[in-house]
Amino acid sequence: MNETIRIVNPIQSGAYVKNGLEPIKIYWSIDKWVWLFDKEASKPLFYKWCRRELN
């Protein structure tokens, strides 16, 4: 079973999708949208996000 990560920042999740990573699931949780991504597949994008290199 693959591990997943939850992203609640719509700008970050949009950047992931823009760069080719499809969410596993999108759902509404109490007061916000949550994007579920594969943890291993998102690592390179996360590192770019932290360095502000992800467009």
PDB file of N, CA and C in Angstrom:
ATOM      1  N   MET A   1       0.842  -1.185   0.000  1.00  0.00           N
ATOM      2  CA  MET A   1       0.000   0.000   0.000  1.00  0.00           C
ATOM      3  C   MET A   1       0.885   1.245   0.000  1.00  0.00           C
ATOM      4  N   ASN A   2       0.582   2.169  -0.887  1.00  0.00           N
ATOM      5  CA  ASN A   2       1.338   3.418  -0.962  1.00  0.00           C
ATOM      6  C   ASN A   2       0.919   4.366   0.138  1.00  0.00           C
ATOM      7  N   GLU A   3       1.893   5.078   0.664  1.00  0.00           N
ATOM      8  CA  GLU A   3       1.584   6.113   1.635  1.00  0.00           C
ATOM      9  C   GLU A   3       1.141   7.361   0.885  1.00  0.00           C
ATOM     10  N   THR A   4       0.327   8.150   1.541  1.00  0.00           N
ATOM     11  CA  THR A   4      -0.179   9.364   0.915  1.00  0.00           C
ATOM     12  C   THR A   4       0.107  10.569   1.799  1.00  0.00           C
ATOM     13  N   ILE A   5       0.026  11.740   1.182  1.00  0.00           N
ATOM     14  CA  ILE A   5       0.128  12.995   1.920  1.00  0.00           C
ATOM     15  C   ILE A   5      -1.116  13.808   1.624  1.00  0.00           C
ATOM     16  N   ARG A   6      -1.484  14.645   2.577  1.00  0.00           N
ATOM     17  CA  ARG A   6      -2.646  15.519   2.410  1.00  0.00           C
ATOM     18  C   ARG A   6      -2.146  16.945   2.268  1.00  0.00           C
ATOM     19  N   ILE A   7      -2.617  17.618   1.239  1.00  0.00           N
ATOM     20  CA  ILE A   7      -2.276  19.020   1.008  1.00  0.00           C
ATOM     21  C   ILE A   7      -3.563  19.823   1.101  1.00  0.00           C
ATOM     22  N   VAL A   8      -3.554  20.881   1.906  1.00  0.00           N
ATOM     23  CA  VAL A   8      -4.733  21.734   2.032  1.00  0.00           C
ATOM     24  C   VAL A   8      -4.509  23.106   1.403  1.00  0.00           C
ATOM     25  N   ASN A   9      -3.297  23.396   0.980  1.00  0.00           N
ATOM     26  CA  ASN A   9      -2.981  24.656   0.323  1.00  0.00           C
ATOM     27  C   ASN A   9      -3.342  24.520  -1.159  1.00  0.00           C
ATOM     28  N   PRO A  10      -4.354  25.262  -1.636  1.00  0.00           N
ATOM     29  CA  PRO A  10      -4.769  25.109  -3.037  1.00  0.00           C
ATOM     30  C   PRO A  10      -3.697  25.564  -4.030  1.00  0.00           C
ATOM     31  N   ILE A  11      -2.843  26.491  -3.641  1.00  0.00           N
ATOM     32  CA  ILE A  11      -1.769  26.937  -4.540  1.00  0.00           C
ATOM     33  C   ILE A  11      -0.731  25.827  -4.700  1.00  0.00           C
ATOM     34  N   GLN A  12      -0.367  25.198  -3.596  1.00  0.00           N
ATOM     35  CA  GLN A  12       0.601  24.099  -3.635  1.00  0.00           C
ATOM     36  C   GLN A  12       0.048  22.914  -4.413  1.00  0.00           C
ATOM     37  N   SER A  13      -1.177  22.527  -4.133  1.00  0.00           N
ATOM     38  CA  SER A  13      -1.749  21.376  -4.837  1.00  0.00           C
ATOM     39  C   SER A  13      -1.907  21.683  -6.328  1.00  0.00           C
ATOM     40  N   GLY A  14      -2.257  22.918  -6.658  1.00  0.00           N
ATOM     41  CA  GLY A  14      -2.350  23.307  -8.066  1.00  0.00           C
ATOM     42  C   GLY A  14      -1.008  23.226  -8.767  1.00  0.00           C
ATOM     43  N   ALA A  15       0.053  23.611  -8.070  1.00  0.00           N
ATOM     44  CA  ALA A  15       1.400  23.529  -8.644  1.00  0.00           C
ATOM     45  C   ALA A  15       1.796  22.071  -8.867  1.00  0.00           C
ATOM     46  N   TYR A  16       1.407  21.194  -7.954  1.00  0.00           N
ATOM     47  CA  TYR A  16       1.697  19.771  -8.132  1.00  0.00           C
ATOM     48  C   TYR A  16       1.002  19.242  -9.383  1.00  0.00           C
ATOM     49  N   VAL A  17      -0.270  19.577  -9.534  1.00  0.00           N
ATOM     50  CA  VAL A  17      -1.036  19.113 -10.696  1.00  0.00           C
ATOM     51  C   VAL A  17      -0.467  19.709 -11.984  1.00  0.00           C
ATOM     52  N   LYS A  18      -0.127  20.986 -11.942  1.00  0.00           N
ATOM     53  CA  LYS A  18       0.451  21.662 -13.113  1.00  0.00           C
ATOM     54  C   LYS A  18       1.744  20.988 -13.561  1.00  0.00           C
ATOM     55  N   ASN A  19       2.473  20.426 -12.611  1.00  0.00           N
ATOM     56  CA  ASN A  19       3.737  19.761 -12.916  1.00  0.00           C
ATOM     57  C   ASN A  19       3.585  18.252 -13.108  1.00  0.00           C
ATOM     58  N   GLY A  20       2.366  17.797 -13.339  1.00  0.00           N
ATOM     59  CA  GLY A  20       2.134  16.427 -13.773  1.00  0.00           C
ATOM     60  C   GLY A  20       1.757  15.406 -12.718  1.00  0.00           C
ATOM     61  N   LEU A  21       1.599  15.811 -11.466  1.00  0.00           N
ATOM     62  CA  LEU A  21       1.222  14.850 -10.418  1.00  0.00           C
ATOM     63  C   LEU A  21      -0.282  14.905 -10.203  1.00  0.00           C
ATOM     64  N   GLU A  22      -0.952  13.812 -10.517  1.00  0.00           N
ATOM     65  CA  GLU A  22      -2.401  13.748 -10.360  1.00  0.00           C
ATOM     66  C   GLU A  22      -2.766  13.374  -8.921  1.00  0.00           C
ATOM     67  N   PRO A  23      -3.748  14.050  -8.341  1.00  0.00           N
ATOM     68  CA  PRO A  23      -4.168  13.663  -6.994  1.00  0.00           C
ATOM     69  C   PRO A  23      -4.866  12.298  -7.001  1.00  0.00           C
ATOM     70  N   ILE A  24      -4.691  11.577  -5.920  1.00  0.00           N
ATOM     71  CA  ILE A  24      -5.368  10.291  -5.758  1.00  0.00           C
ATOM     72  C   ILE A  24      -6.837  10.539  -5.461  1.00  0.00           C
ATOM     73  N   LYS A  25      -7.079  11.572  -4.658  1.00  0.00           N
ATOM     74  CA  LYS A  25      -8.441  11.889  -4.253  1.00  0.00           C
ATOM     75  C   LYS A  25      -8.497  13.361  -3.850  1.00  0.00           C
ATOM     76  N   ILE A  26      -9.645  13.989  -4.069  1.00  0.00           N
ATOM     77  CA  ILE A  26      -9.910  15.354  -3.605  1.00  0.00           C
ATOM     78  C   ILE A  26     -11.214  15.287  -2.820  1.00  0.00           C
ATOM     79  N   TYR A  27     -11.199  15.845  -1.616  1.00  0.00           N
ATOM     80  CA  TYR A  27     -12.419  15.804  -0.815  1.00  0.00           C
ATOM     81  C   TYR A  27     -12.542  17.036   0.068  1.00  0.00           C
ATOM     82  N   TRP A  28     -13.747  17.300   0.512  1.00  0.00           N
ATOM     83  CA  TRP A  28     -14.066  18.416   1.401  1.00  0.00           C
ATOM     84  C   TRP A  28     -14.017  17.908   2.838  1.00  0.00           C
ATOM     85  N   SER A  29     -13.244  18.587   3.693  1.00  0.00           N
ATOM     86  CA  SER A  29     -13.122  18.181   5.092  1.00  0.00           C
ATOM     87  C   SER A  29     -13.478  19.350   5.998  1.00  0.00           C
ATOM     88  N   ILE A  30     -14.622  19.304   6.568  1.00  0.00           N
ATOM     89  CA  ILE A  30     -15.181  20.296   7.497  1.00  0.00           C
ATOM     90  C   ILE A  30     -15.233  21.692   6.880  1.00  0.00           C
ATOM     91  N   ASP A  31     -14.079  22.349   6.695  1.00  0.00           N
ATOM     92  CA  ASP A  31     -14.109  23.726   6.160  1.00  0.00           C
ATOM     93  C   ASP A  31     -13.073  23.978   5.080  1.00  0.00           C
ATOM     94  N   LYS A  32     -12.490  22.913   4.501  1.00  0.00           N
ATOM     95  CA  LYS A  32     -11.474  23.109   3.463  1.00  0.00           C
ATOM     96  C   LYS A  32     -11.373  21.901   2.540  1.00  0.00           C
ATOM     97  N   TRP A  33     -10.846  22.165   1.338  1.00  0.00           N
ATOM     98  CA  TRP A  33     -10.569  21.107   0.387  1.00  0.00           C
ATOM     99  C   TRP A  33      -9.269  20.433   0.764  1.00  0.00           C
ATOM    100  N   VAL A  34      -9.196  19.134   0.535  1.00  0.00           N
ATOM    101  CA  VAL A  34      -7.991  18.359   0.807  1.00  0.00           C
ATOM    102  C   VAL A  34      -7.645  17.577  -0.456  1.00  0.00           C
ATOM    103  N   TRP A  35      -6.378  17.673  -0.863  1.00  0.00           N
ATOM    104  CA  TRP A  35      -5.864  16.926  -1.999  1.00  0.00           C
ATOM    105  C   TRP A  35      -4.967  15.832  -1.464  1.00  0.00           C
ATOM    106  N   LEU A  36      -5.212  14.605  -1.885  1.00  0.00           N
ATOM    107  CA  LEU A  36      -4.442  13.456  -1.449  1.00  0.00           C
ATOM    108  C   LEU A  36      -3.501  13.056  -2.582  1.00  0.00           C
ATOM    109  N   PHE A  37      -2.184  13.030  -2.283  1.00  0.00           N
ATOM    110  CA  PHE A  37      -1.172  12.690  -3.279  1.00  0.00           C
ATOM    111  C   PHE A  37      -0.329  11.521  -2.790  1.00  0.00           C
ATOM    112  N   ASP A  38       0.264  10.798  -3.733  1.00  0.00           N
ATOM    113  CA  ASP A  38       1.211   9.745  -3.410  1.00  0.00           C
ATOM    114  C   ASP A  38       2.466  10.377  -2.807  1.00  0.00           C
ATOM    115  N   LYS A  39       2.900   9.879  -1.661  1.00  0.00           N
ATOM    116  CA  LYS A  39       4.014  10.482  -0.922  1.00  0.00           C
ATOM    117  C   LYS A  39       5.336  10.424  -1.707  1.00  0.00           C
ATOM    118  N   GLU A  40       5.679   9.253  -2.225  1.00  0.00           N
ATOM    119  CA  GLU A  40       6.951   9.111  -2.946  1.00  0.00           C
ATOM    120  C   GLU A  40       6.976   9.931  -4.231  1.00  0.00           C
ATOM    121  N   ALA A  41       5.880   9.931  -4.958  1.00  0.00           N
ATOM    122  CA  ALA A  41       5.820  10.665  -6.219  1.00  0.00           C
ATOM    123  C   ALA A  41       5.866  12.174  -6.005  1.00  0.00           C
ATOM    124  N   SER A  42       5.423  12.632  -4.841  1.00  0.00           N
ATOM    125  CA  SER A  42       5.379  14.074  -4.589  1.00  0.00           C
ATOM    126  C   SER A  42       6.676  14.637  -4.013  1.00  0.00           C
ATOM    127  N   LYS A  43       7.588  13.780  -3.580  1.00  0.00           N
ATOM    128  CA  LYS A  43       8.821  14.264  -2.934  1.00  0.00           C
ATOM    129  C   LYS A  43       9.612  15.265  -3.775  1.00  0.00           C
ATOM    130  N   PRO A  44       9.893  14.985  -5.067  1.00  0.00           N
ATOM    131  CA  PRO A  44      10.660  15.964  -5.852  1.00  0.00           C
ATOM    132  C   PRO A  44       9.946  17.316  -5.948  1.00  0.00           C
ATOM    133  N   LEU A  45       8.632  17.277  -6.073  1.00  0.00           N
ATOM    134  CA  LEU A  45       7.873  18.522  -6.158  1.00  0.00           C
ATOM    135  C   LEU A  45       7.867  19.254  -4.818  1.00  0.00           C
ATOM    136  N   PHE A  46       7.820  18.508  -3.723  1.00  0.00           N
ATOM    137  CA  PHE A  46       7.854  19.121  -2.401  1.00  0.00           C
ATOM    138  C   PHE A  46       9.169  19.860  -2.173  1.00  0.00           C
ATOM    139  N   TYR A  47      10.285  19.241  -2.569  1.00  0.00           N
ATOM    140  CA  TYR A  47      11.587  19.895  -2.395  1.00  0.00           C
ATOM    141  C   TYR A  47      11.658  21.177  -3.219  1.00  0.00           C
ATOM    142  N   LYS A  48      11.126  21.133  -4.445  1.00  0.00           N
ATOM    143  CA  LYS A  48      11.086  22.348  -5.267  1.00  0.00           C
ATOM    144  C   LYS A  48      10.170  23.399  -4.639  1.00  0.00           C
ATOM    145  N   TRP A  49       9.056  22.963  -4.083  1.00  0.00           N
ATOM    146  CA  TRP A  49       8.109  23.869  -3.434  1.00  0.00           C
ATOM    147  C   TRP A  49       8.786  24.593  -2.266  1.00  0.00           C
ATOM    148  N   CYS A  50       9.515  23.857  -1.468  1.00  0.00           N
ATOM    149  CA  CYS A  50      10.199  24.454  -0.304  1.00  0.00           C
ATOM    150  C   CYS A  50      11.265  25.452  -0.705  1.00  0.00           C
ATOM    151  N   ARG A  51      11.904  25.227  -1.861  1.00  0.00           N
ATOM    152  CA  ARG A  51      12.935  26.149  -2.358  1.00  0.00           C
ATOM    153  C   ARG A  51      12.349  27.238  -3.249  1.00  0.00           C
ATOM    154  N   ARG A  52      11.018  27.269  -3.329  1.00  0.00           N
ATOM    155  CA  ARG A  52      10.296  28.234  -4.161  1.00  0.00           C
ATOM    156  C   ARG A  52      10.702  28.168  -5.636  1.00  0.00           C
ATOM    157  N   GLU A  53      10.930  26.957  -6.103  1.00  0.00           N
ATOM    158  CA  GLU A  53      11.317  26.716  -7.501  1.00  0.00           C
ATOM    159  C   GLU A  53      10.184  26.109  -8.321  1.00  0.00           C
ATOM    160  N   LEU A  54       9.066  25.822  -7.683  1.00  0.00           N
ATOM    161  CA  LEU A  54       7.962  25.165  -8.376  1.00  0.00           C
ATOM    162  C   LEU A  54       7.023  26.213  -8.962  1.00  0.00           C
ATOM    163  N   ASN A  55       6.806  26.134 -10.271  1.00  0.00           N
ATOM    164  CA  ASN A  55       5.918  27.090 -10.957  1.00  0.00           C
ATOM    165  C   ASN A  55       4.553  26.497 -11.103  1.00  0.00           C
TER     166      ASN A  55
END
